[in-house]
Amino acid sequence: MTAIRIEAHPDGTNLAAAIKQDGIQDSPLRFWWLGQAGFALKHRDILLLIDPYLSDTLAEKYRNSEFKHLRMIPIPVAPEELEGCSWYLCTHGHTDHMDPGTIRGIYQATSPNFLIPRAEMDRGRERGIPSDKMHGINAGETLRLGDDITVEAIASAHERLDVDAEGNHRYLGYVISVGGLRLYHSGDCVPYPGLSEKLAEKHIDVAFLPINGRDEIRLSKGVPGNFTVTEAIALCKAAAIGHLVGHHWGMFDFNTIEKDNAEALLRQKAGALEWLLPEIGMTYTIRPI
């Protein structure tokens, strides 16, 4: 694990322009929260997107349902404005992580490669990912994305571990090794036996974890859950991860945690763990110290 600090820099411009601009001196990596589980990561001139949801696809799909999936925040950037994306990573097939509206828009602007669970390649094609740009991966496998960027897949449990008939996991997290740093984005996940031990072996610097929690009411209505704030803290401590970035909150009113409540729990329980609840419209840098 590398000794680092995460610093916030107001963009002072629109998000697309901030992502396009040159890097900040001495920072090997910049990142931006796109809402929900979505992030943009940039190392030098390599732009990676993880689980961006930049449309109203779900509001259109569920307009007549109990959970209407109306955004609590506006779309922070039009997907067609995100030029220069090299890799577009999806952790699983749920629409807020593999969104056809976002896929179409970004593919209009650039022609990225897509990394998705092998178990969801058919769904990926249905969502508009070209077959020649789609790379499937399963838990335990590693793919090199660039000269010094690799991604290793780790199984995630979105309420439970789920595999297809060939044993490919439907829900994945990604350990991204980039610029001398190791980042873990769990996708949607709850604790399961062996996860913290597996992550401890990876020497993670920053964990990007959902914190919206779960309950029987949501599950009974088809909304599987994620880590609670307390569970996210506990995972980081058990796996010796020094920094937690909490996400998957503030998008849909039926599936979130109030920011004030999350911050109170983090202040109360994090101890020496460094933590961040990111803001839309902020550039974050990760610097070695």
C-alpha atoms as a PDB file:
ATOM      1  CA  MET A   1       0.000   0.000   0.000  1.00  0.00           C
ATOM      2  CA  THR A   2       1.330   3.409  -1.014  1.00  0.00           C
ATOM      3  CA  ALA A   3       1.214   6.419   1.323  1.00  0.00           C
ATOM      4  CA  ILE A   4      -1.097   8.852  -0.475  1.00  0.00           C
ATOM      5  CA  ARG A   5      -3.406  11.780  -0.034  1.00  0.00           C
ATOM      6  CA  ILE A   6      -6.535  12.639  -1.988  1.00  0.00           C
ATOM      7  CA  GLU A   7      -7.045  16.323  -2.745  1.00  0.00           C
ATOM      8  CA  ALA A   8     -10.102  18.119  -4.113  1.00  0.00           C
ATOM      9  CA  HIS A   9      -9.893  20.811  -6.808  1.00  0.00           C
ATOM     10  CA  PRO A  10     -13.007  22.725  -7.926  1.00  0.00           C
ATOM     11  CA  ASP A  11     -13.286  22.354 -11.691  1.00  0.00           C
ATOM     12  CA  GLY A  12     -14.054  25.989 -12.421  1.00  0.00           C
ATOM     13  CA  THR A  13     -15.473  24.852 -15.748  1.00  0.00           C
ATOM     14  CA  ASN A  14     -17.802  22.211 -17.082  1.00  0.00           C
ATOM     15  CA  LEU A  15     -17.035  18.589 -16.313  1.00  0.00           C
ATOM     16  CA  ALA A  16     -16.227  17.575 -19.887  1.00  0.00           C
ATOM     17  CA  ALA A  17     -13.647  20.362 -20.171  1.00  0.00           C
ATOM     18  CA  ALA A  18     -12.117  19.453 -16.810  1.00  0.00           C
ATOM     19  CA  ILE A  19     -11.672  15.840 -17.881  1.00  0.00           C
ATOM     20  CA  LYS A  20     -10.120  16.877 -21.208  1.00  0.00           C
ATOM     21  CA  GLN A  21      -7.539  19.239 -19.729  1.00  0.00           C
ATOM     22  CA  ASP A  22      -3.940  18.303 -19.022  1.00  0.00           C
ATOM     23  CA  GLY A  23      -3.048  16.625 -15.756  1.00  0.00           C
ATOM     24  CA  ILE A  24      -2.257  18.406 -12.518  1.00  0.00           C
ATOM     25  CA  GLN A  25       1.460  18.479 -11.711  1.00  0.00           C
ATOM     26  CA  ASP A  26       2.838  15.601  -9.627  1.00  0.00           C
ATOM     27  CA  SER A  27      -0.464  13.732  -9.560  1.00  0.00           C
ATOM     28  CA  PRO A  28      -0.338  10.272 -11.149  1.00  0.00           C
ATOM     29  CA  LEU A  29      -4.124  10.037 -11.217  1.00  0.00           C
ATOM     30  CA  ARG A  30      -7.228  12.218 -11.327  1.00  0.00           C
ATOM     31  CA  PHE A  31     -10.798  11.088 -10.832  1.00  0.00           C
ATOM     32  CA  TRP A  32     -14.307  12.498 -11.005  1.00  0.00           C
ATOM     33  CA  TRP A  33     -17.555  11.169  -9.555  1.00  0.00           C
ATOM     34  CA  LEU A  34     -20.320  10.949 -12.165  1.00  0.00           C
ATOM     35  CA  GLY A  35     -23.089  10.031  -9.718  1.00  0.00           C
ATOM     36  CA  GLN A  36     -24.308   6.621  -8.523  1.00  0.00           C
ATOM     37  CA  ALA A  37     -21.381   4.167  -9.017  1.00  0.00           C
ATOM     38  CA  GLY A  38     -19.931   6.076 -11.969  1.00  0.00           C
ATOM     39  CA  PHE A  39     -16.387   7.434 -12.070  1.00  0.00           C
ATOM     40  CA  ALA A  40     -13.991   8.808 -14.648  1.00  0.00           C
ATOM     41  CA  LEU A  41     -10.306   8.043 -14.000  1.00  0.00           C
ATOM     42  CA  LYS A  42      -7.476   9.671 -15.910  1.00  0.00           C
ATOM     43  CA  HIS A  43      -3.805   8.711 -15.934  1.00  0.00           C
ATOM     44  CA  ARG A  44      -1.719  10.878 -18.269  1.00  0.00           C
ATOM     45  CA  ASP A  45      -3.803  10.814 -21.464  1.00  0.00           C
ATOM     46  CA  ILE A  46      -5.615   7.543 -20.703  1.00  0.00           C
ATOM     47  CA  LEU A  47      -9.269   8.015 -19.697  1.00  0.00           C
ATOM     48  CA  LEU A  48     -11.165   5.139 -18.091  1.00  0.00           C
ATOM     49  CA  LEU A  49     -14.877   5.191 -17.280  1.00  0.00           C
ATOM     50  CA  ILE A  50     -16.386   2.874 -14.683  1.00  0.00           C
ATOM     51  CA  ASP A  51     -20.159   2.268 -14.521  1.00  0.00           C
ATOM     52  CA  PRO A  52     -21.244   5.679 -15.849  1.00  0.00           C
ATOM     53  CA  TYR A  53     -24.996   6.334 -15.762  1.00  0.00           C
ATOM     54  CA  LEU A  54     -25.477   9.522 -17.791  1.00  0.00           C
ATOM     55  CA  SER A  55     -29.023   9.272 -19.120  1.00  0.00           C
ATOM     56  CA  ASP A  56     -32.618   8.928 -17.963  1.00  0.00           C
ATOM     57  CA  THR A  57     -33.007   5.386 -19.281  1.00  0.00           C
ATOM     58  CA  LEU A  58     -34.318   4.099 -15.947  1.00  0.00           C
ATOM     59  CA  ALA A  59     -36.843   6.919 -15.530  1.00  0.00           C
ATOM     60  CA  GLU A  60     -38.236   6.045 -18.954  1.00  0.00           C
ATOM     61  CA  LYS A  61     -38.281   2.326 -18.163  1.00  0.00           C
ATOM     62  CA  TYR A  62     -39.991   2.672 -14.776  1.00  0.00           C
ATOM     63  CA  ARG A  63     -42.236   5.706 -15.355  1.00  0.00           C
ATOM     64  CA  ASN A  64     -45.367   3.719 -14.401  1.00  0.00           C
ATOM     65  CA  SER A  65     -43.872   1.752 -11.519  1.00  0.00           C
ATOM     66  CA  GLU A  66     -43.717   2.343  -7.767  1.00  0.00           C
ATOM     67  CA  PHE A  67     -40.016   3.218  -7.961  1.00  0.00           C
ATOM     68  CA  LYS A  68     -39.874   5.751 -10.794  1.00  0.00           C
ATOM     69  CA  HIS A  69     -36.085   6.141 -10.787  1.00  0.00           C
ATOM     70  CA  LEU A  70     -36.242   9.909 -11.048  1.00  0.00           C
ATOM     71  CA  ARG A  71     -32.850  11.520 -10.671  1.00  0.00           C
ATOM     72  CA  MET A  72     -32.138  13.483  -7.510  1.00  0.00           C
ATOM     73  CA  ILE A  73     -29.245  15.166  -9.352  1.00  0.00           C
ATOM     74  CA  PRO A  74     -29.068  16.316 -12.967  1.00  0.00           C
ATOM     75  CA  ILE A  75     -26.964  14.492 -15.533  1.00  0.00           C
ATOM     76  CA  PRO A  76     -23.495  15.984 -14.839  1.00  0.00           C
ATOM     77  CA  VAL A  77     -22.136  15.629 -18.365  1.00  0.00           C
ATOM     78  CA  ALA A  78     -23.620  14.500 -21.675  1.00  0.00           C
ATOM     79  CA  PRO A  79     -22.022  11.180 -22.634  1.00  0.00           C
ATOM     80  CA  GLU A  80     -21.233  12.380 -26.154  1.00  0.00           C
ATOM     81  CA  GLU A  81     -19.032  15.094 -24.588  1.00  0.00           C
ATOM     82  CA  LEU A  82     -16.690  12.532 -23.035  1.00  0.00           C
ATOM     83  CA  GLU A  83     -14.213  12.350 -25.876  1.00  0.00           C
ATOM     84  CA  GLY A  84     -11.026  10.341 -25.698  1.00  0.00           C
ATOM     85  CA  CYS A  85     -12.270   7.474 -23.543  1.00  0.00           C
ATOM     86  CA  SER A  86      -9.915   4.503 -23.971  1.00  0.00           C
ATOM     87  CA  TRP A  87     -11.743   1.942 -21.827  1.00  0.00           C
ATOM     88  CA  TYR A  88     -15.313   1.747 -20.561  1.00  0.00           C
ATOM     89  CA  LEU A  89     -15.665  -0.695 -17.649  1.00  0.00           C
ATOM     90  CA  CYS A  90     -18.966  -2.199 -16.499  1.00  0.00           C
ATOM     91  CA  THR A  91     -19.061  -4.210 -13.281  1.00  0.00           C
ATOM     92  CA  HIS A  92     -22.385  -5.918 -14.057  1.00  0.00           C
ATOM     93  CA  GLY A  93     -25.488  -5.788 -16.208  1.00  0.00           C
ATOM     94  CA  HIS A  94     -27.882  -3.584 -14.198  1.00  0.00           C
ATOM     95  CA  THR A  95     -28.858  -0.540 -16.207  1.00  0.00           C
ATOM     96  CA  ASP A  96     -27.327   2.028 -13.841  1.00  0.00           C
ATOM     97  CA  HIS A  97     -23.997   0.264 -14.461  1.00  0.00           C
ATOM     98  CA  MET A  98     -24.415  -0.859 -18.100  1.00  0.00           C
ATOM     99  CA  ASP A  99     -26.623   1.860 -19.535  1.00  0.00           C
ATOM    100  CA  PRO A 100     -27.548   1.742 -23.237  1.00  0.00           C
ATOM    101  CA  GLY A 101     -28.115   5.499 -23.332  1.00  0.00           C
ATOM    102  CA  THR A 102     -24.653   6.213 -21.991  1.00  0.00           C
ATOM    103  CA  ILE A 103     -23.039   3.533 -24.154  1.00  0.00           C
ATOM    104  CA  ARG A 104     -24.577   4.997 -27.320  1.00  0.00           C
ATOM    105  CA  GLY A 105     -23.576   8.552 -26.446  1.00  0.00           C
ATOM    106  CA  ILE A 106     -19.978   7.764 -25.581  1.00  0.00           C
ATOM    107  CA  TYR A 107     -19.570   5.557 -28.621  1.00  0.00           C
ATOM    108  CA  GLN A 108     -20.693   8.499 -30.781  1.00  0.00           C
ATOM    109  CA  ALA A 109     -17.881  10.619 -29.335  1.00  0.00           C
ATOM    110  CA  THR A 110     -15.115   8.046 -29.371  1.00  0.00           C
ATOM    111  CA  SER A 111     -14.611   4.352 -29.915  1.00  0.00           C
ATOM    112  CA  PRO A 112     -13.558   2.859 -26.570  1.00  0.00           C
ATOM    113  CA  ASN A 113     -12.941  -0.720 -25.678  1.00  0.00           C
ATOM    114  CA  PHE A 114     -15.452  -2.184 -23.216  1.00  0.00           C
ATOM    115  CA  LEU A 115     -14.617  -4.501 -20.338  1.00  0.00           C
ATOM    116  CA  ILE A 116     -17.605  -6.373 -18.912  1.00  0.00           C
ATOM    117  CA  PRO A 117     -18.306  -9.621 -17.054  1.00  0.00           C
ATOM    118  CA  ARG A 118     -18.104 -12.567 -19.429  1.00  0.00           C
ATOM    119  CA  ALA A 119     -21.446 -13.701 -18.018  1.00  0.00           C
ATOM    120  CA  GLU A 120     -23.055 -10.509 -19.401  1.00  0.00           C
ATOM    121  CA  MET A 121     -21.659 -10.400 -22.933  1.00  0.00           C
ATOM    122  CA  ASP A 122     -25.029 -11.174 -24.521  1.00  0.00           C
ATOM    123  CA  ARG A 123     -26.586  -8.368 -22.514  1.00  0.00           C
ATOM    124  CA  GLY A 124     -23.710  -6.110 -23.553  1.00  0.00           C
ATOM    125  CA  ARG A 125     -24.525  -6.687 -27.218  1.00  0.00           C
ATOM    126  CA  GLU A 126     -28.194  -5.942 -26.513  1.00  0.00           C
ATOM    127  CA  ARG A 127     -27.151  -2.666 -24.850  1.00  0.00           C
ATOM    128  CA  GLY A 128     -25.229  -1.570 -27.951  1.00  0.00           C
ATOM    129  CA  ILE A 129     -21.643  -2.658 -27.293  1.00  0.00           C
ATOM    130  CA  PRO A 130     -20.009  -3.699 -30.580  1.00  0.00           C
ATOM    131  CA  SER A 131     -18.707  -7.267 -30.461  1.00  0.00           C
ATOM    132  CA  ASP A 132     -15.267  -6.255 -31.754  1.00  0.00           C
ATOM    133  CA  LYS A 133     -14.895  -3.760 -28.901  1.00  0.00           C
ATOM    134  CA  MET A 134     -16.144  -6.017 -26.101  1.00  0.00           C
ATOM    135  CA  HIS A 135     -13.771  -7.862 -23.779  1.00  0.00           C
ATOM    136  CA  GLY A 136     -15.193 -10.356 -21.307  1.00  0.00           C
ATOM    137  CA  ILE A 137     -13.561 -11.118 -17.982  1.00  0.00           C
ATOM    138  CA  ASN A 138     -14.270 -13.365 -15.008  1.00  0.00           C
ATOM    139  CA  ALA A 139     -13.208 -13.344 -11.375  1.00  0.00           C
ATOM    140  CA  GLY A 140      -9.536 -14.200 -10.975  1.00  0.00           C
ATOM    141  CA  GLU A 141      -8.564 -12.977 -14.444  1.00  0.00           C
ATOM    142  CA  THR A 142      -6.379  -9.981 -15.310  1.00  0.00           C
ATOM    143  CA  LEU A 143      -6.351  -7.826 -18.429  1.00  0.00           C
ATOM    144  CA  ARG A 144      -3.729  -5.258 -19.414  1.00  0.00           C
ATOM    145  CA  LEU A 145      -5.346  -2.037 -20.641  1.00  0.00           C
ATOM    146  CA  GLY A 146      -2.160  -0.076 -21.311  1.00  0.00           C
ATOM    147  CA  ASP A 147       1.559   0.042 -20.666  1.00  0.00           C
ATOM    148  CA  ASP A 148       1.110   0.489 -16.925  1.00  0.00           C
ATOM    149  CA  ILE A 149      -2.622  -0.142 -16.436  1.00  0.00           C
ATOM    150  CA  THR A 150      -4.028  -3.550 -15.543  1.00  0.00           C
ATOM    151  CA  VAL A 151      -7.414  -4.666 -14.258  1.00  0.00           C
ATOM    152  CA  GLU A 152      -8.005  -7.766 -12.152  1.00  0.00           C
ATOM    153  CA  ALA A 153     -11.569  -8.982 -11.627  1.00  0.00           C
ATOM    154  CA  ILE A 154     -12.822 -10.065  -8.196  1.00  0.00           C
ATOM    155  CA  ALA A 155     -16.240 -11.604  -7.546  1.00  0.00           C
ATOM    156  CA  SER A 156     -18.855  -9.319  -5.992  1.00  0.00           C
ATOM    157  CA  ALA A 157     -22.024 -10.373  -4.201  1.00  0.00           C
ATOM    158  CA  HIS A 158     -25.026  -8.193  -5.033  1.00  0.00           C
ATOM    159  CA  GLU A 159     -26.918  -9.717  -2.088  1.00  0.00           C
ATOM    160  CA  ARG A 160     -25.387 -13.042  -3.220  1.00  0.00           C
ATOM    161  CA  LEU A 161     -22.661 -14.442  -5.453  1.00  0.00           C
ATOM    162  CA  ASP A 162     -24.242 -15.355  -8.789  1.00  0.00           C
ATOM    163  CA  VAL A 163     -22.712 -17.292 -11.686  1.00  0.00           C
ATOM    164  CA  ASP A 164     -23.934 -18.416 -15.096  1.00  0.00           C
ATOM    165  CA  ALA A 165     -24.024 -22.010 -16.371  1.00  0.00           C
ATOM    166  CA  GLU A 166     -20.295 -21.840 -17.214  1.00  0.00           C
ATOM    167  CA  GLY A 167     -19.329 -20.551 -13.767  1.00  0.00           C
ATOM    168  CA  ASN A 168     -18.763 -16.936 -14.835  1.00  0.00           C
ATOM    169  CA  HIS A 169     -19.636 -14.394 -12.152  1.00  0.00           C
ATOM    170  CA  ARG A 170     -22.392 -11.932 -13.026  1.00  0.00           C
ATOM    171  CA  TYR A 171     -21.199  -9.319 -10.508  1.00  0.00           C
ATOM    172  CA  LEU A 172     -17.580  -8.212 -10.451  1.00  0.00           C
ATOM    173  CA  GLY A 173     -15.322  -5.724  -8.758  1.00  0.00           C
ATOM    174  CA  TYR A 174     -12.154  -4.447 -10.400  1.00  0.00           C
ATOM    175  CA  VAL A 175      -8.694  -3.922  -8.923  1.00  0.00           C
ATOM    176  CA  ILE A 176      -7.098  -1.307 -11.170  1.00  0.00           C
ATOM    177  CA  SER A 177      -3.326  -0.970 -11.031  1.00  0.00           C
ATOM    178  CA  VAL A 178      -2.395   2.398 -12.514  1.00  0.00           C
ATOM    179  CA  GLY A 179       0.451   4.866 -12.040  1.00  0.00           C
ATOM    180  CA  GLY A 180       1.880   2.918  -9.131  1.00  0.00           C
ATOM    181  CA  LEU A 181      -1.490   2.912  -7.326  1.00  0.00           C
ATOM    182  CA  ARG A 182      -4.002   0.126  -6.695  1.00  0.00           C
ATOM    183  CA  LEU A 183      -7.680   1.057  -6.721  1.00  0.00           C
ATOM    184  CA  TYR A 184     -10.631  -1.225  -5.984  1.00  0.00           C
ATOM    185  CA  HIS A 185     -14.103  -0.519  -7.375  1.00  0.00           C
ATOM    186  CA  SER A 186     -16.442  -3.183  -6.016  1.00  0.00           C
ATOM    187  CA  GLY A 187     -19.409  -2.471  -8.269  1.00  0.00           C
ATOM    188  CA  ASP A 188     -22.524  -3.447  -6.327  1.00  0.00           C
ATOM    189  CA  CYS A 189     -21.533  -5.671  -3.429  1.00  0.00           C
ATOM    190  CA  VAL A 190     -22.265  -6.840   0.112  1.00  0.00           C
ATOM    191  CA  PRO A 191     -19.787  -8.549   2.462  1.00  0.00           C
ATOM    192  CA  TYR A 192     -19.135 -12.217   1.849  1.00  0.00           C
ATOM    193  CA  PRO A 193     -16.694 -14.711   3.402  1.00  0.00           C
ATOM    194  CA  GLY A 194     -13.164 -14.337   2.079  1.00  0.00           C
ATOM    195  CA  LEU A 195     -13.567 -10.924   0.440  1.00  0.00           C
ATOM    196  CA  SER A 196     -11.481  -8.954   2.940  1.00  0.00           C
ATOM    197  CA  GLU A 197      -8.723 -11.591   2.880  1.00  0.00           C
ATOM    198  CA  LYS A 198      -8.678 -11.508  -0.912  1.00  0.00           C
ATOM    199  CA  LEU A 199      -8.400  -7.720  -0.941  1.00  0.00           C
ATOM    200  CA  ALA A 200      -5.704  -7.682   1.730  1.00  0.00           C
ATOM    201  CA  GLU A 201      -3.501  -9.683  -0.633  1.00  0.00           C
ATOM    202  CA  LYS A 202      -3.892  -6.963  -3.295  1.00  0.00           C
ATOM    203  CA  HIS A 203      -2.493  -4.079  -1.166  1.00  0.00           C
ATOM    204  CA  ILE A 204      -5.271  -1.680  -2.158  1.00  0.00           C
ATOM    205  CA  ASP A 205      -4.666   2.065  -1.756  1.00  0.00           C
ATOM    206  CA  VAL A 206      -8.228   3.331  -2.324  1.00  0.00           C
ATOM    207  CA  ALA A 207     -11.528   1.447  -2.199  1.00  0.00           C
ATOM    208  CA  PHE A 208     -14.527   2.853  -4.093  1.00  0.00           C
ATOM    209  CA  LEU A 209     -17.459   1.216  -2.300  1.00  0.00           C
ATOM    210  CA  PRO A 210     -21.262   1.631  -2.380  1.00  0.00           C
ATOM    211  CA  ILE A 211     -22.789   2.761   0.916  1.00  0.00           C
ATOM    212  CA  ASN A 212     -26.536   2.822   0.248  1.00  0.00           C
ATOM    213  CA  GLY A 213     -27.143  -0.343   2.296  1.00  0.00           C
ATOM    214  CA  ARG A 214     -30.005  -2.795   1.909  1.00  0.00           C
ATOM    215  CA  ASP A 215     -33.170  -4.052   3.592  1.00  0.00           C
ATOM    216  CA  GLU A 216     -35.893  -6.640   3.114  1.00  0.00           C
ATOM    217  CA  ILE A 217     -38.385  -4.092   1.790  1.00  0.00           C
ATOM    218  CA  ARG A 218     -36.164  -3.084  -1.122  1.00  0.00           C
ATOM    219  CA  LEU A 219     -35.164  -6.676  -1.808  1.00  0.00           C
ATOM    220  CA  SER A 220     -38.794  -7.834  -1.826  1.00  0.00           C
ATOM    221  CA  LYS A 221     -39.458  -5.247  -4.557  1.00  0.00           C
ATOM    222  CA  GLY A 222     -36.549  -6.392  -6.700  1.00  0.00           C
ATOM    223  CA  VAL A 223     -33.946  -3.880  -5.519  1.00  0.00           C
ATOM    224  CA  PRO A 224     -30.868  -5.778  -4.276  1.00  0.00           C
ATOM    225  CA  GLY A 225     -28.630  -3.911  -1.879  1.00  0.00           C
ATOM    226  CA  ASN A 226     -25.062  -3.025  -1.049  1.00  0.00           C
ATOM    227  CA  PHE A 227     -22.664  -2.367   1.806  1.00  0.00           C
ATOM    228  CA  THR A 228     -23.878  -0.211   4.636  1.00  0.00           C
ATOM    229  CA  VAL A 229     -21.531   2.577   5.702  1.00  0.00           C
ATOM    230  CA  THR A 230     -20.487   0.483   8.694  1.00  0.00           C
ATOM    231  CA  GLU A 231     -19.757  -2.545   6.503  1.00  0.00           C
ATOM    232  CA  ALA A 232     -17.721  -0.473   4.048  1.00  0.00           C
ATOM    233  CA  ILE A 233     -15.611   0.851   6.923  1.00  0.00           C
ATOM    234  CA  ALA A 234     -15.167  -2.648   8.340  1.00  0.00           C
ATOM    235  CA  LEU A 235     -14.066  -4.053   4.963  1.00  0.00           C
ATOM    236  CA  CYS A 236     -11.417  -1.355   4.558  1.00  0.00           C
ATOM    237  CA  LYS A 237     -10.074  -1.937   8.042  1.00  0.00           C
ATOM    238  CA  ALA A 238     -10.030  -5.723   7.653  1.00  0.00           C
ATOM    239  CA  ALA A 239      -8.237  -5.474   4.284  1.00  0.00           C
ATOM    240  CA  ALA A 240      -5.791  -2.752   5.453  1.00  0.00           C
ATOM    241  CA  ILE A 241      -7.127  -0.254   2.892  1.00  0.00           C
ATOM    242  CA  GLY A 242      -6.267   3.284   3.920  1.00  0.00           C
ATOM    243  CA  HIS A 243      -8.804   5.309   1.921  1.00  0.00           C
ATOM    244  CA  LEU A 244     -12.535   4.856   1.324  1.00  0.00           C
ATOM    245  CA  VAL A 245     -14.543   6.697  -1.351  1.00  0.00           C
ATOM    246  CA  GLY A 246     -18.262   6.137  -0.777  1.00  0.00           C
ATOM    247  CA  HIS A 247     -20.667   6.099  -3.715  1.00  0.00           C
ATOM    248  CA  HIS A 248     -24.081   4.774  -4.844  1.00  0.00           C
ATOM    249  CA  TRP A 249     -25.965   7.439  -2.897  1.00  0.00           C
ATOM    250  CA  GLY A 250     -27.878  10.564  -3.862  1.00  0.00           C
ATOM    251  CA  MET A 251     -29.281   9.307  -7.185  1.00  0.00           C
ATOM    252  CA  PHE A 252     -32.661   7.651  -6.454  1.00  0.00           C
ATOM    253  CA  ASP A 253     -34.743   8.521  -3.408  1.00  0.00           C
ATOM    254  CA  PHE A 254     -35.797   4.913  -2.708  1.00  0.00           C
ATOM    255  CA  ASN A 255     -32.241   3.560  -2.730  1.00  0.00           C
ATOM    256  CA  THR A 256     -29.902   5.974  -1.009  1.00  0.00           C
ATOM    257  CA  ILE A 257     -28.592   7.177   2.330  1.00  0.00           C
ATOM    258  CA  GLU A 258     -28.739  10.795   3.424  1.00  0.00           C
ATOM    259  CA  LYS A 259     -25.304  12.390   3.127  1.00  0.00           C
ATOM    260  CA  ASP A 260     -25.497  13.840   6.646  1.00  0.00           C
ATOM    261  CA  ASN A 261     -26.243  10.393   8.085  1.00  0.00           C
ATOM    262  CA  ALA A 262     -23.402   8.807   6.129  1.00  0.00           C
ATOM    263  CA  GLU A 263     -20.961  11.488   7.265  1.00  0.00           C
ATOM    264  CA  ALA A 264     -22.021  11.080  10.880  1.00  0.00           C
ATOM    265  CA  LEU A 265     -21.363   7.334  10.731  1.00  0.00           C
ATOM    266  CA  LEU A 266     -18.014   7.865   9.053  1.00  0.00           C
ATOM    267  CA  ARG A 267     -16.911  10.417  11.657  1.00  0.00           C
ATOM    268  CA  GLN A 268     -18.029   8.096  14.430  1.00  0.00           C
ATOM    269  CA  LYS A 269     -16.585   4.815  13.170  1.00  0.00           C
ATOM    270  CA  ALA A 270     -13.816   5.416  10.618  1.00  0.00           C
ATOM    271  CA  GLY A 271     -11.034   6.031  13.113  1.00  0.00           C
ATOM    272  CA  ALA A 272      -7.730   6.251  11.221  1.00  0.00           C
ATOM    273  CA  LEU A 273      -9.408   5.328   7.929  1.00  0.00           C
ATOM    274  CA  GLU A 274      -9.368   8.289   5.514  1.00  0.00           C
ATOM    275  CA  TRP A 275     -12.718   8.753   3.780  1.00  0.00           C
ATOM    276  CA  LEU A 276     -14.397  10.849   1.128  1.00  0.00           C
ATOM    277  CA  LEU A 277     -17.973  11.338  -0.024  1.00  0.00           C
ATOM    278  CA  PRO A 278     -17.273  12.857  -3.438  1.00  0.00           C
ATOM    279  CA  GLU A 279     -19.020  15.826  -5.002  1.00  0.00           C
ATOM    280  CA  ILE A 280     -20.193  16.247  -8.566  1.00  0.00           C
ATOM    281  CA  GLY A 281     -18.139  18.928 -10.325  1.00  0.00           C
ATOM    282  CA  MET A 282     -14.951  18.352  -8.331  1.00  0.00           C
ATOM    283  CA  THR A 283     -11.638  17.073  -9.657  1.00  0.00           C
ATOM    284  CA  TYR A 284      -9.823  14.761  -7.239  1.00  0.00           C
ATOM    285  CA  THR A 285      -6.135  13.981  -7.393  1.00  0.00           C
ATOM    286  CA  ILE A 286      -4.271  11.160  -5.713  1.00  0.00           C
ATOM    287  CA  ARG A 287      -0.718  12.076  -4.714  1.00  0.00           C
ATOM    288  CA  PRO A 288       2.017  10.011  -3.076  1.00  0.00           C
ATOM    289  CA  ILE A 289       3.348  11.431   0.189  1.00  0.00           C
END
